Amino acid sequence: MANKTRGALRTARHARIRKSIAGSAERPRLAVHRSLKHISAQLIDDTTGKTLAAASSIEKGLGAKGNAEGAKVVGTKLAERAKEQGITSVVFDRGGFKYHGRVASLADGAREAGLEF
C-alpha cells in the first residue's frame, strides 16, 4: 500500500465494493462520482451495461452546485427521472468514497424523493 495515490486507493476500494454489488433492470445500481467541484450519479443496469438515468451538478437549469445542498438537488432530480421510468428500488454504490458529506447528502435527497435503498 506504500506510495499509492489517493485516487488509486479509492479505485481499489471501489473495485472491492463492486465485487458484491451489481445492478439489474428491476433494481439498478446508483453509482455516485464526486470530483473536487461537482457530483454526479447514474442508475446503471449492469446486465446490459446501459445507463438508465443520470443527474449531475454540471447540468444547466438544475441550479445545483458541487456542495452538500447541490448534491441533495442532484439526488432528488435523479430520483424523479427514475420514477418516470418506473424505477423505485436501487442498489447504492458509493464509488469508493466515504458515505459522508456530499455522498450522504445525495443519498438522502434520492431517498426523500422516493427511491428505496
PDB file of N, CA and C in Angstrom:
ATOM      1  N   MET A   1       0.823  -1.191   0.000  1.00  0.00           N
ATOM      2  CA  MET A   1       0.000   0.000   0.000  1.00  0.00           C
ATOM      3  C   MET A   1       0.870   1.260   0.000  1.00  0.00           C
ATOM      4  N   ALA A   2       2.168   1.077   0.098  1.00  0.00           N
ATOM      5  CA  ALA A   2       3.060   2.230   0.118  1.00  0.00           C
ATOM      6  C   ALA A   2       3.085   2.910  -1.241  1.00  0.00           C
ATOM      7  N   ASN A   3       3.160   4.233  -1.229  1.00  0.00           N
ATOM      8  CA  ASN A   3       3.302   5.063  -2.422  1.00  0.00           C
ATOM      9  C   ASN A   3       2.110   5.009  -3.365  1.00  0.00           C
ATOM     10  N   LYS A   4       0.965   4.595  -2.920  1.00  0.00           N
ATOM     11  CA  LYS A   4      -0.230   4.649  -3.770  1.00  0.00           C
ATOM     12  C   LYS A   4      -0.879   6.016  -3.609  1.00  0.00           C
ATOM     13  N   THR A   5      -1.364   6.538  -4.704  1.00  0.00           N
ATOM     14  CA  THR A   5      -2.010   7.840  -4.645  1.00  0.00           C
ATOM     15  C   THR A   5      -3.405   7.704  -4.041  1.00  0.00           C
ATOM     16  N   ARG A   6      -3.972   8.829  -3.676  1.00  0.00           N
ATOM     17  CA  ARG A   6      -5.312   8.840  -3.105  1.00  0.00           C
ATOM     18  C   ARG A   6      -6.328   8.273  -4.091  1.00  0.00           C
ATOM     19  N   GLY A   7      -6.166   8.634  -5.369  1.00  0.00           N
ATOM     20  CA  GLY A   7      -7.066   8.135  -6.408  1.00  0.00           C
ATOM     21  C   GLY A   7      -6.955   6.635  -6.607  1.00  0.00           C
ATOM     22  N   ALA A   8      -5.720   6.113  -6.532  1.00  0.00           N
ATOM     23  CA  ALA A   8      -5.522   4.672  -6.693  1.00  0.00           C
ATOM     24  C   ALA A   8      -6.142   3.908  -5.521  1.00  0.00           C
ATOM     25  N   LEU A   9      -6.052   4.449  -4.334  1.00  0.00           N
ATOM     26  CA  LEU A   9      -6.658   3.814  -3.163  1.00  0.00           C
ATOM     27  C   LEU A   9      -8.182   3.805  -3.288  1.00  0.00           C
ATOM     28  N   ARG A  10      -8.764   4.923  -3.795  1.00  0.00           N
ATOM     29  CA  ARG A  10     -10.215   4.980  -3.985  1.00  0.00           C
ATOM     30  C   ARG A  10     -10.654   3.969  -5.033  1.00  0.00           C
ATOM     31  N   THR A  11      -9.898   3.863  -6.106  1.00  0.00           N
ATOM     32  CA  THR A  11     -10.224   2.906  -7.162  1.00  0.00           C
ATOM     33  C   THR A  11     -10.188   1.475  -6.633  1.00  0.00           C
ATOM     34  N   ALA A  12      -9.228   1.178  -5.773  1.00  0.00           N
ATOM     35  CA  ALA A  12      -9.144  -0.160  -5.172  1.00  0.00           C
ATOM     36  C   ALA A  12     -10.342  -0.424  -4.269  1.00  0.00           C
ATOM     37  N   ARG A  13     -10.746   0.589  -3.491  1.00  0.00           N
ATOM     38  CA  ARG A  13     -11.936   0.443  -2.635  1.00  0.00           C
ATOM     39  C   ARG A  13     -13.169   0.203  -3.489  1.00  0.00           C
ATOM     40  N   HIS A  14     -13.283   0.945  -4.591  1.00  0.00           N
ATOM     41  CA  HIS A  14     -14.442   0.794  -5.472  1.00  0.00           C
ATOM     42  C   HIS A  14     -14.483  -0.612  -6.074  1.00  0.00           C
ATOM     43  N   ALA A  15     -13.337  -1.121  -6.486  1.00  0.00           N
ATOM     44  CA  ALA A  15     -13.284  -2.474  -7.045  1.00  0.00           C
ATOM     45  C   ALA A  15     -13.709  -3.510  -6.011  1.00  0.00           C
ATOM     46  N   ARG A  16     -13.312  -3.299  -4.775  1.00  0.00           N
ATOM     47  CA  ARG A  16     -13.686  -4.212  -3.688  1.00  0.00           C
ATOM     48  C   ARG A  16     -15.199  -4.188  -3.454  1.00  0.00           C
ATOM     49  N   ILE A  17     -15.774  -2.995  -3.500  1.00  0.00           N
ATOM     50  CA  ILE A  17     -17.216  -2.842  -3.311  1.00  0.00           C
ATOM     51  C   ILE A  17     -17.975  -3.492  -4.470  1.00  0.00           C
ATOM     52  N   ARG A  18     -17.470  -3.280  -5.701  1.00  0.00           N
ATOM     53  CA  ARG A  18     -18.161  -3.772  -6.888  1.00  0.00           C
ATOM     54  C   ARG A  18     -18.183  -5.289  -7.003  1.00  0.00           C
ATOM     55  N   LYS A  19     -17.328  -5.973  -6.258  1.00  0.00           N
ATOM     56  CA  LYS A  19     -17.366  -7.440  -6.260  1.00  0.00           C
ATOM     57  C   LYS A  19     -18.709  -7.955  -5.768  1.00  0.00           C
ATOM     58  N   SER A  20     -19.302  -7.248  -4.816  1.00  0.00           N
ATOM     59  CA  SER A  20     -20.535  -7.734  -4.202  1.00  0.00           C
ATOM     60  C   SER A  20     -21.777  -6.960  -4.642  1.00  0.00           C
ATOM     61  N   ILE A  21     -21.617  -5.886  -5.404  1.00  0.00           N
ATOM     62  CA  ILE A  21     -22.751  -5.059  -5.815  1.00  0.00           C
ATOM     63  C   ILE A  21     -22.935  -5.143  -7.324  1.00  0.00           C
ATOM     64  N   ALA A  22     -24.152  -5.410  -7.761  1.00  0.00           N
ATOM     65  CA  ALA A  22     -24.468  -5.386  -9.194  1.00  0.00           C
ATOM     66  C   ALA A  22     -25.901  -4.901  -9.363  1.00  0.00           C
ATOM     67  N   GLY A  23     -26.130  -4.117 -10.407  1.00  0.00           N
ATOM     68  CA  GLY A  23     -27.459  -3.596 -10.688  1.00  0.00           C
ATOM     69  C   GLY A  23     -28.143  -4.421 -11.759  1.00  0.00           C
ATOM     70  N   SER A  24     -29.462  -4.447 -11.704  1.00  0.00           N
ATOM     71  CA  SER A  24     -30.253  -5.156 -12.717  1.00  0.00           C
ATOM     72  C   SER A  24     -31.286  -4.177 -13.274  1.00  0.00           C
ATOM     73  N   ALA A  25     -32.085  -4.632 -14.215  1.00  0.00           N
ATOM     74  CA  ALA A  25     -33.107  -3.758 -14.791  1.00  0.00           C
ATOM     75  C   ALA A  25     -34.162  -3.405 -13.748  1.00  0.00           C
ATOM     76  N   GLU A  26     -34.497  -4.368 -12.875  1.00  0.00           N
ATOM     77  CA  GLU A  26     -35.509  -4.120 -11.837  1.00  0.00           C
ATOM     78  C   GLU A  26     -34.934  -3.285 -10.696  1.00  0.00           C
ATOM     79  N   ARG A  27     -33.656  -3.528 -10.367  1.00  0.00           N
ATOM     80  CA  ARG A  27     -33.011  -2.826  -9.258  1.00  0.00           C
ATOM     81  C   ARG A  27     -31.626  -2.361  -9.712  1.00  0.00           C
ATOM     82  N   PRO A  28     -31.559  -1.205 -10.417  1.00  0.00           N
ATOM     83  CA  PRO A  28     -30.277  -0.742 -10.949  1.00  0.00           C
ATOM     84  C   PRO A  28     -29.334  -0.237  -9.853  1.00  0.00           C
ATOM     85  N   ARG A  29     -28.076  -0.091 -10.236  1.00  0.00           N
ATOM     86  CA  ARG A  29     -27.041   0.394  -9.319  1.00  0.00           C
ATOM     87  C   ARG A  29     -26.993   1.912  -9.403  1.00  0.00           C
ATOM     88  N   LEU A  30     -27.102   2.579  -8.260  1.00  0.00           N
ATOM     89  CA  LEU A  30     -26.985   4.030  -8.193  1.00  0.00           C
ATOM     90  C   LEU A  30     -25.511   4.329  -7.931  1.00  0.00           C
ATOM     91  N   ALA A  31     -24.769   4.674  -8.981  1.00  0.00           N
ATOM     92  CA  ALA A  31     -23.340   4.926  -8.892  1.00  0.00           C
ATOM     93  C   ALA A  31     -23.094   6.414  -8.710  1.00  0.00           C
ATOM     94  N   VAL A  32     -22.298   6.759  -7.706  1.00  0.00           N
ATOM     95  CA  VAL A  32     -22.000   8.151  -7.383  1.00  0.00           C
ATOM     96  C   VAL A  32     -20.554   8.451  -7.743  1.00  0.00           C
ATOM     97  N   HIS A  33     -20.325   9.612  -8.351  1.00  0.00           N
ATOM     98  CA  HIS A  33     -18.960  10.084  -8.561  1.00  0.00           C
ATOM     99  C   HIS A  33     -18.850  11.505  -8.044  1.00  0.00           C
ATOM    100  N   ARG A  34     -17.819  11.738  -7.242  1.00  0.00           N
ATOM    101  CA  ARG A  34     -17.602  13.041  -6.629  1.00  0.00           C
ATOM    102  C   ARG A  34     -16.246  13.552  -7.092  1.00  0.00           C
ATOM    103  N   SER A  35     -16.228  14.742  -7.680  1.00  0.00           N
ATOM    104  CA  SER A  35     -14.957  15.375  -8.034  1.00  0.00           C
ATOM    105  C   SER A  35     -14.763  16.548  -7.073  1.00  0.00           C
ATOM    106  N   LEU A  36     -13.708  17.303  -7.281  1.00  0.00           N
ATOM    107  CA  LEU A  36     -13.463  18.429  -6.379  1.00  0.00           C
ATOM    108  C   LEU A  36     -14.541  19.509  -6.511  1.00  0.00           C
ATOM    109  N   LYS A  37     -15.064  19.696  -7.732  1.00  0.00           N
ATOM    110  CA  LYS A  37     -16.038  20.766  -7.957  1.00  0.00           C
ATOM    111  C   LYS A  37     -17.475  20.292  -8.104  1.00  0.00           C
ATOM    112  N   HIS A  38     -17.684  19.042  -8.543  1.00  0.00           N
ATOM    113  CA  HIS A  38     -19.032  18.590  -8.885  1.00  0.00           C
ATOM    114  C   HIS A  38     -19.336  17.211  -8.324  1.00  0.00           C
ATOM    115  N   ILE A  39     -20.606  16.828  -8.442  1.00  0.00           N
ATOM    116  CA  ILE A  39     -21.034  15.488  -8.061  1.00  0.00           C
ATOM    117  C   ILE A  39     -22.030  15.005  -9.110  1.00  0.00           C
ATOM    118  N   SER A  40     -21.949  13.729  -9.434  1.00  0.00           N
ATOM    119  CA  SER A  40     -22.869  13.164 -10.419  1.00  0.00           C
ATOM    120  C   SER A  40     -23.275  11.770  -9.980  1.00  0.00           C
ATOM    121  N   ALA A  41     -24.407  11.319 -10.510  1.00  0.00           N
ATOM    122  CA  ALA A  41     -24.916   9.991 -10.173  1.00  0.00           C
ATOM    123  C   ALA A  41     -25.623   9.410 -11.388  1.00  0.00           C
ATOM    124  N   GLN A  42     -25.561   8.087 -11.512  1.00  0.00           N
ATOM    125  CA  GLN A  42     -26.204   7.382 -12.604  1.00  0.00           C
ATOM    126  C   GLN A  42     -26.912   6.152 -12.072  1.00  0.00           C
ATOM    127  N   LEU A  43     -27.972   5.752 -12.753  1.00  0.00           N
ATOM    128  CA  LEU A  43     -28.604   4.469 -12.498  1.00  0.00           C
ATOM    129  C   LEU A  43     -28.175   3.543 -13.619  1.00  0.00           C
ATOM    130  N   ILE A  44     -27.506   2.446 -13.271  1.00  0.00           N
ATOM    131  CA  ILE A  44     -26.894   1.567 -14.265  1.00  0.00           C
ATOM    132  C   ILE A  44     -27.460   0.159 -14.154  1.00  0.00           C
ATOM    133  N   ASP A  45     -27.853  -0.392 -15.306  1.00  0.00           N
ATOM    134  CA  ASP A  45     -28.245  -1.795 -15.406  1.00  0.00           C
ATOM    135  C   ASP A  45     -26.987  -2.564 -15.824  1.00  0.00           C
ATOM    136  N   ASP A  46     -26.376  -3.298 -14.886  1.00  0.00           N
ATOM    137  CA  ASP A  46     -25.114  -3.977 -15.156  1.00  0.00           C
ATOM    138  C   ASP A  46     -25.268  -5.205 -16.049  1.00  0.00           C
ATOM    139  N   THR A  47     -26.482  -5.737 -16.186  1.00  0.00           N
ATOM    140  CA  THR A  47     -26.660  -6.901 -17.051  1.00  0.00           C
ATOM    141  C   THR A  47     -26.500  -6.519 -18.523  1.00  0.00           C
ATOM    142  N   THR A  48     -26.953  -5.311 -18.877  1.00  0.00           N
ATOM    143  CA  THR A  48     -26.813  -4.845 -20.259  1.00  0.00           C
ATOM    144  C   THR A  48     -25.732  -3.781 -20.406  1.00  0.00           C
ATOM    145  N   GLY A  49     -25.272  -3.215 -19.297  1.00  0.00           N
ATOM    146  CA  GLY A  49     -24.263  -2.166 -19.353  1.00  0.00           C
ATOM    147  C   GLY A  49     -24.812  -0.822 -19.778  1.00  0.00           C
ATOM    148  N   LYS A  50     -26.090  -0.596 -19.573  1.00  0.00           N
ATOM    149  CA  LYS A  50     -26.742   0.642 -20.004  1.00  0.00           C
ATOM    150  C   LYS A  50     -26.996   1.565 -18.805  1.00  0.00           C
ATOM    151  N   THR A  51     -26.872   2.867 -19.072  1.00  0.00           N
ATOM    152  CA  THR A  51     -27.254   3.873 -18.090  1.00  0.00           C
ATOM    153  C   THR A  51     -28.727   4.190 -18.292  1.00  0.00           C
ATOM    154  N   LEU A  52     -29.525   4.029 -17.236  1.00  0.00           N
ATOM    155  CA  LEU A  52     -30.971   4.235 -17.329  1.00  0.00           C
ATOM    156  C   LEU A  52     -31.370   5.681 -17.049  1.00  0.00           C
ATOM    157  N   ALA A  53     -30.658   6.327 -16.127  1.00  0.00           N
ATOM    158  CA  ALA A  53     -30.932   7.723 -15.786  1.00  0.00           C
ATOM    159  C   ALA A  53     -29.670   8.310 -15.179  1.00  0.00           C
ATOM    160  N   ALA A  54     -29.530   9.623 -15.294  1.00  0.00           N
ATOM    161  CA  ALA A  54     -28.351  10.288 -14.736  1.00  0.00           C
ATOM    162  C   ALA A  54     -28.704  11.702 -14.330  1.00  0.00           C
ATOM    163  N   ALA A  55     -27.934  12.241 -13.391  1.00  0.00           N
ATOM    164  CA  ALA A  55     -28.070  13.637 -12.973  1.00  0.00           C
ATOM    165  C   ALA A  55     -26.703  14.106 -12.488  1.00  0.00           C
ATOM    166  N   SER A  56     -26.433  15.394 -12.689  1.00  0.00           N
ATOM    167  CA  SER A  56     -25.139  15.933 -12.319  1.00  0.00           C
ATOM    168  C   SER A  56     -25.262  17.396 -11.937  1.00  0.00           C
ATOM    169  N   SER A  57     -24.344  17.865 -11.109  1.00  0.00           N
ATOM    170  CA  SER A  57     -24.339  19.278 -10.728  1.00  0.00           C
ATOM    171  C   SER A  57     -23.847  20.158 -11.872  1.00  0.00           C
ATOM    172  N   ILE A  58     -23.330  19.560 -12.947  1.00  0.00           N
ATOM    173  CA  ILE A  58     -22.852  20.321 -14.108  1.00  0.00           C
ATOM    174  C   ILE A  58     -24.016  20.777 -14.982  1.00  0.00           C
ATOM    175  N   GLU A  59     -25.156  20.081 -14.916  1.00  0.00           N
ATOM    176  CA  GLU A  59     -26.303  20.362 -15.780  1.00  0.00           C
ATOM    177  C   GLU A  59     -26.792  21.797 -15.654  1.00  0.00           C
ATOM    178  N   LYS A  60     -27.087  22.381 -16.801  1.00  0.00           N
ATOM    179  CA  LYS A  60     -27.678  23.721 -16.818  1.00  0.00           C
ATOM    180  C   LYS A  60     -29.141  23.615 -16.383  1.00  0.00           C
ATOM    181  N   GLY A  61     -29.618  24.601 -15.679  1.00  0.00           N
ATOM    182  CA  GLY A  61     -31.016  24.630 -15.285  1.00  0.00           C
ATOM    183  C   GLY A  61     -31.337  23.840 -14.028  1.00  0.00           C
ATOM    184  N   LEU A  62     -30.405  23.023 -13.561  1.00  0.00           N
ATOM    185  CA  LEU A  62     -30.650  22.253 -12.346  1.00  0.00           C
ATOM    186  C   LEU A  62     -30.427  23.128 -11.114  1.00  0.00           C
ATOM    187  N   GLY A  63     -29.544  24.089 -11.222  1.00  0.00           N
ATOM    188  CA  GLY A  63     -29.289  25.006 -10.121  1.00  0.00           C
ATOM    189  C   GLY A  63     -28.523  24.381  -8.978  1.00  0.00           C
ATOM    190  N   ALA A  64     -27.799  23.307  -9.257  1.00  0.00           N
ATOM    191  CA  ALA A  64     -27.054  22.618  -8.208  1.00  0.00           C
ATOM    192  C   ALA A  64     -25.587  22.994  -8.284  1.00  0.00           C
ATOM    193  N   LYS A  65     -24.999  23.221  -7.135  1.00  0.00           N
ATOM    194  CA  LYS A  65     -23.559  23.446  -7.056  1.00  0.00           C
ATOM    195  C   LYS A  65     -22.915  22.150  -6.577  1.00  0.00           C
ATOM    196  N   GLY A  66     -21.619  22.158  -6.418  1.00  0.00           N
ATOM    197  CA  GLY A  66     -20.906  20.962  -6.006  1.00  0.00           C
ATOM    198  C   GLY A  66     -20.865  20.747  -4.507  1.00  0.00           C
ATOM    199  N   ASN A  67     -21.685  21.481  -3.758  1.00  0.00           N
ATOM    200  CA  ASN A  67     -21.682  21.336  -2.300  1.00  0.00           C
ATOM    201  C   ASN A  67     -22.782  20.370  -1.841  1.00  0.00           C
ATOM    202  N   ALA A  68     -22.958  20.244  -0.537  1.00  0.00           N
ATOM    203  CA  ALA A  68     -23.918  19.281   0.017  1.00  0.00           C
ATOM    204  C   ALA A  68     -25.348  19.607  -0.411  1.00  0.00           C
ATOM    205  N   GLU A  69     -25.713  20.897  -0.448  1.00  0.00           N
ATOM    206  CA  GLU A  69     -27.064  21.260  -0.873  1.00  0.00           C
ATOM    207  C   GLU A  69     -27.275  20.904  -2.345  1.00  0.00           C
ATOM    208  N   GLY A  70     -26.263  21.154  -3.147  1.00  0.00           N
ATOM    209  CA  GLY A  70     -26.336  20.801  -4.568  1.00  0.00           C
ATOM    210  C   GLY A  70     -26.432  19.303  -4.769  1.00  0.00           C
ATOM    211  N   ALA A  71     -25.719  18.546  -3.941  1.00  0.00           N
ATOM    212  CA  ALA A  71     -25.756  17.082  -4.023  1.00  0.00           C
ATOM    213  C   ALA A  71     -27.166  16.573  -3.725  1.00  0.00           C
ATOM    214  N   LYS A  72     -27.838  17.211  -2.776  1.00  0.00           N
ATOM    215  CA  LYS A  72     -29.205  16.813  -2.443  1.00  0.00           C
ATOM    216  C   LYS A  72     -30.146  17.073  -3.625  1.00  0.00           C
ATOM    217  N   VAL A  73     -29.938  18.195  -4.318  1.00  0.00           N
ATOM    218  CA  VAL A  73     -30.734  18.520  -5.504  1.00  0.00           C
ATOM    219  C   VAL A  73     -30.495  17.482  -6.598  1.00  0.00           C
ATOM    220  N   VAL A  74     -29.232  17.084  -6.787  1.00  0.00           N
ATOM    221  CA  VAL A  74     -28.891  16.077  -7.796  1.00  0.00           C
ATOM    222  C   VAL A  74     -29.572  14.753  -7.458  1.00  0.00           C
ATOM    223  N   GLY A  75     -29.547  14.351  -6.183  1.00  0.00           N
ATOM    224  CA  GLY A  75     -30.197  13.117  -5.757  1.00  0.00           C
ATOM    225  C   GLY A  75     -31.700  13.152  -5.990  1.00  0.00           C
ATOM    226  N   THR A  76     -32.318  14.284  -5.699  1.00  0.00           N
ATOM    227  CA  THR A  76     -33.750  14.438  -5.902  1.00  0.00           C
ATOM    228  C   THR A  76     -34.102  14.357  -7.389  1.00  0.00           C
ATOM    229  N   LYS A  77     -33.306  15.021  -8.230  1.00  0.00           N
ATOM    230  CA  LYS A  77     -33.560  15.014  -9.675  1.00  0.00           C
ATOM    231  C   LYS A  77     -33.391  13.605 -10.247  1.00  0.00           C
ATOM    232  N   LEU A  78     -32.372  12.890  -9.776  1.00  0.00           N
ATOM    233  CA  LEU A  78     -32.152  11.520 -10.241  1.00  0.00           C
ATOM    234  C   LEU A  78     -33.336  10.627  -9.861  1.00  0.00           C
ATOM    235  N   ALA A  79     -33.846  10.795  -8.652  1.00  0.00           N
ATOM    236  CA  ALA A  79     -34.994  10.007  -8.211  1.00  0.00           C
ATOM    237  C   ALA A  79     -36.231  10.311  -9.049  1.00  0.00           C
ATOM    238  N   GLU A  80     -36.432  11.586  -9.415  1.00  0.00           N
ATOM    239  CA  GLU A  80     -37.559  11.955 -10.270  1.00  0.00           C
ATOM    240  C   GLU A  80     -37.450  11.278 -11.632  1.00  0.00           C
ATOM    241  N   ARG A  81     -36.240  11.286 -12.206  1.00  0.00           N
ATOM    242  CA  ARG A  81     -36.027  10.654 -13.508  1.00  0.00           C
ATOM    243  C   ARG A  81     -36.205   9.137 -13.430  1.00  0.00           C
ATOM    244  N   ALA A  82     -35.838   8.558 -12.294  1.00  0.00           N
ATOM    245  CA  ALA A  82     -36.027   7.120 -12.097  1.00  0.00           C
ATOM    246  C   ALA A  82     -37.509   6.790 -12.008  1.00  0.00           C
ATOM    247  N   LYS A  83     -38.274   7.614 -11.296  1.00  0.00           N
ATOM    248  CA  LYS A  83     -39.717   7.392 -11.151  1.00  0.00           C
ATOM    249  C   LYS A  83     -40.422   7.438 -12.502  1.00  0.00           C
ATOM    250  N   GLU A  84     -39.961   8.336 -13.393  1.00  0.00           N
ATOM    251  CA  GLU A  84     -40.544   8.434 -14.726  1.00  0.00           C
ATOM    252  C   GLU A  84     -40.393   7.123 -15.493  1.00  0.00           C
ATOM    253  N   GLN A  85     -39.341   6.380 -15.194  1.00  0.00           N
ATOM    254  CA  GLN A  85     -39.099   5.100 -15.865  1.00  0.00           C
ATOM    255  C   GLN A  85     -39.632   3.913 -15.067  1.00  0.00           C
ATOM    256  N   GLY A  86     -40.291   4.194 -13.947  1.00  0.00           N
ATOM    257  CA  GLY A  86     -40.878   3.129 -13.150  1.00  0.00           C
ATOM    258  C   GLY A  86     -39.902   2.438 -12.207  1.00  0.00           C
ATOM    259  N   ILE A  87     -38.788   3.081 -11.910  1.00  0.00           N
ATOM    260  CA  ILE A  87     -37.790   2.503 -11.005  1.00  0.00           C
ATOM    261  C   ILE A  87     -38.021   3.066  -9.605  1.00  0.00           C
ATOM    262  N   THR A  88     -38.199   2.156  -8.639  1.00  0.00           N
ATOM    263  CA  THR A  88     -38.427   2.606  -7.263  1.00  0.00           C
ATOM    264  C   THR A  88     -37.362   2.112  -6.297  1.00  0.00           C
ATOM    265  N   SER A  89     -36.652   1.044  -6.661  1.00  0.00           N
ATOM    266  CA  SER A  89     -35.667   0.443  -5.769  1.00  0.00           C
ATOM    267  C   SER A  89     -34.319   0.360  -6.474  1.00  0.00           C
ATOM    268  N   VAL A  90     -33.238   0.730  -5.770  1.00  0.00           N
ATOM    269  CA  VAL A  90     -31.891   0.722  -6.341  1.00  0.00           C
ATOM    270  C   VAL A  90     -30.899   0.104  -5.366  1.00  0.00           C
ATOM    271  N   VAL A  91     -29.703  -0.191  -5.873  1.00  0.00           N
ATOM    272  CA  VAL A  91     -28.574  -0.633  -5.056  1.00  0.00           C
ATOM    273  C   VAL A  91     -27.602   0.535  -5.019  1.00  0.00           C
ATOM    274  N   PHE A  92     -27.208   0.992  -3.834  1.00  0.00           N
ATOM    275  CA  PHE A  92     -26.347   2.168  -3.717  1.00  0.00           C
ATOM    276  C   PHE A  92     -24.879   1.783  -3.842  1.00  0.00           C
ATOM    277  N   ASP A  93     -24.165   2.471  -4.732  1.00  0.00           N
ATOM    278  CA  ASP A  93     -22.736   2.267  -4.948  1.00  0.00           C
ATOM    279  C   ASP A  93     -22.032   3.592  -4.689  1.00  0.00           C
ATOM    280  N   ARG A  94     -21.343   3.698  -3.572  1.00  0.00           N
ATOM    281  CA  ARG A  94     -20.713   4.964  -3.193  1.00  0.00           C
ATOM    282  C   ARG A  94     -19.417   5.231  -3.941  1.00  0.00           C
ATOM    283  N   GLY A  95     -18.973   4.301  -4.769  1.00  0.00           N
ATOM    284  CA  GLY A  95     -17.836   4.524  -5.639  1.00  0.00           C
ATOM    285  C   GLY A  95     -16.495   4.630  -4.941  1.00  0.00           C
ATOM    286  N   GLY A  96     -16.369   4.045  -3.775  1.00  0.00           N
ATOM    287  CA  GLY A  96     -15.111   4.116  -3.050  1.00  0.00           C
ATOM    288  C   GLY A  96     -14.974   5.362  -2.195  1.00  0.00           C
ATOM    289  N   PHE A  97     -15.963   6.250  -2.261  1.00  0.00           N
ATOM    290  CA  PHE A  97     -15.953   7.458  -1.442  1.00  0.00           C
ATOM    291  C   PHE A  97     -16.571   7.149  -0.087  1.00  0.00           C
ATOM    292  N   LYS A  98     -16.208   7.925   0.941  1.00  0.00           N
ATOM    293  CA  LYS A  98     -16.825   7.760   2.253  1.00  0.00           C
ATOM    294  C   LYS A  98     -18.301   8.134   2.170  1.00  0.00           C
ATOM    295  N   TYR A  99     -19.138   7.406   2.900  1.00  0.00           N
ATOM    296  CA  TYR A  99     -20.560   7.754   2.978  1.00  0.00           C
ATOM    297  C   TYR A  99     -20.660   8.895   3.985  1.00  0.00           C
ATOM    298  N   HIS A 100     -20.376  10.094   3.489  1.00  0.00           N
ATOM    299  CA  HIS A 100     -20.256  11.250   4.360  1.00  0.00           C
ATOM    300  C   HIS A 100     -20.358  12.495   3.498  1.00  0.00           C
ATOM    301  N   GLY A 101     -20.861  13.571   4.038  1.00  0.00           N
ATOM    302  CA  GLY A 101     -20.877  14.831   3.313  1.00  0.00           C
ATOM    303  C   GLY A 101     -21.736  14.798   2.068  1.00  0.00           C
ATOM    304  N   ARG A 102     -21.131  15.096   0.911  1.00  0.00           N
ATOM    305  CA  ARG A 102     -21.875  15.208  -0.342  1.00  0.00           C
ATOM    306  C   ARG A 102     -22.473  13.882  -0.797  1.00  0.00           C
ATOM    307  N   VAL A 103     -21.754  12.774  -0.577  1.00  0.00           N
ATOM    308  CA  VAL A 103     -22.265  11.462  -0.983  1.00  0.00           C
ATOM    309  C   VAL A 103     -23.504  11.110  -0.155  1.00  0.00           C
ATOM    310  N   ALA A 104     -23.440  11.325   1.146  1.00  0.00           N
ATOM    311  CA  ALA A 104     -24.588  11.050   2.023  1.00  0.00           C
ATOM    312  C   ALA A 104     -25.746  11.987   1.703  1.00  0.00           C
ATOM    313  N   SER A 105     -25.443  13.236   1.374  1.00  0.00           N
ATOM    314  CA  SER A 105     -26.480  14.206   1.041  1.00  0.00           C
ATOM    315  C   SER A 105     -27.215  13.814  -0.241  1.00  0.00           C
ATOM    316  N   LEU A 106     -26.478  13.333  -1.235  1.00  0.00           N
ATOM    317  CA  LEU A 106     -27.096  12.856  -2.473  1.00  0.00           C
ATOM    318  C   LEU A 106     -28.023  11.681  -2.175  1.00  0.00           C
ATOM    319  N   ALA A 107     -27.554  10.757  -1.347  1.00  0.00           N
ATOM    320  CA  ALA A 107     -28.373   9.597  -0.979  1.00  0.00           C
ATOM    321  C   ALA A 107     -29.643  10.025  -0.242  1.00  0.00           C
ATOM    322  N   ASP A 108     -29.514  10.989   0.661  1.00  0.00           N
ATOM    323  CA  ASP A 108     -30.683  11.480   1.399  1.00  0.00           C
ATOM    324  C   ASP A 108     -31.698  12.123   0.464  1.00  0.00           C
ATOM    325  N   GLY A 109     -31.220  12.909  -0.496  1.00  0.00           N
ATOM    326  CA  GLY A 109     -32.110  13.539  -1.473  1.00  0.00           C
ATOM    327  C   GLY A 109     -32.853  12.508  -2.301  1.00  0.00           C
ATOM    328  N   ALA A 110     -32.143  11.454  -2.712  1.00  0.00           N
ATOM    329  CA  ALA A 110     -32.795  10.403  -3.507  1.00  0.00           C
ATOM    330  C   ALA A 110     -33.824   9.653  -2.674  1.00  0.00           C
ATOM    331  N   ARG A 111     -33.508   9.383  -1.409  1.00  0.00           N
ATOM    332  CA  ARG A 111     -34.453   8.693  -0.531  1.00  0.00           C
ATOM    333  C   ARG A 111     -35.702   9.529  -0.293  1.00  0.00           C
ATOM    334  N   GLU A 112     -35.514  10.823  -0.031  1.00  0.00           N
ATOM    335  CA  GLU A 112     -36.645  11.696   0.236  1.00  0.00           C
ATOM    336  C   GLU A 112     -37.562  11.821  -0.987  1.00  0.00           C
ATOM    337  N   ALA A 113     -36.989  11.693  -2.184  1.00  0.00           N
ATOM    338  CA  ALA A 113     -37.787  11.779  -3.407  1.00  0.00           C
ATOM    339  C   ALA A 113     -38.441  10.453  -3.775  1.00  0.00           C
ATOM    340  N   GLY A 114     -38.191   9.402  -2.984  1.00  0.00           N
ATOM    341  CA  GLY A 114     -38.928   8.162  -3.166  1.00  0.00           C
ATOM    342  C   GLY A 114     -38.141   6.926  -3.580  1.00  0.00           C
ATOM    343  N   LEU A 115     -36.830   7.024  -3.772  1.00  0.00           N
ATOM    344  CA  LEU A 115     -36.060   5.824  -4.094  1.00  0.00           C
ATOM    345  C   LEU A 115     -35.804   5.015  -2.828  1.00  0.00           C
ATOM    346  N   GLU A 116     -35.838   3.702  -2.944  1.00  0.00           N
ATOM    347  CA  GLU A 116     -35.606   2.830  -1.786  1.00  0.00           C
ATOM    348  C   GLU A 116     -34.272   2.137  -1.910  1.00  0.00           C
ATOM    349  N   PHE A 117     -33.445   2.253  -0.885  1.00  0.00           N
ATOM    350  CA  PHE A 117     -32.186   1.516  -0.783  1.00  0.00           C
ATOM    351  C   PHE A 117     -31.672   1.589   0.633  1.00  0.00           C
TER     352      PHE A 117
END
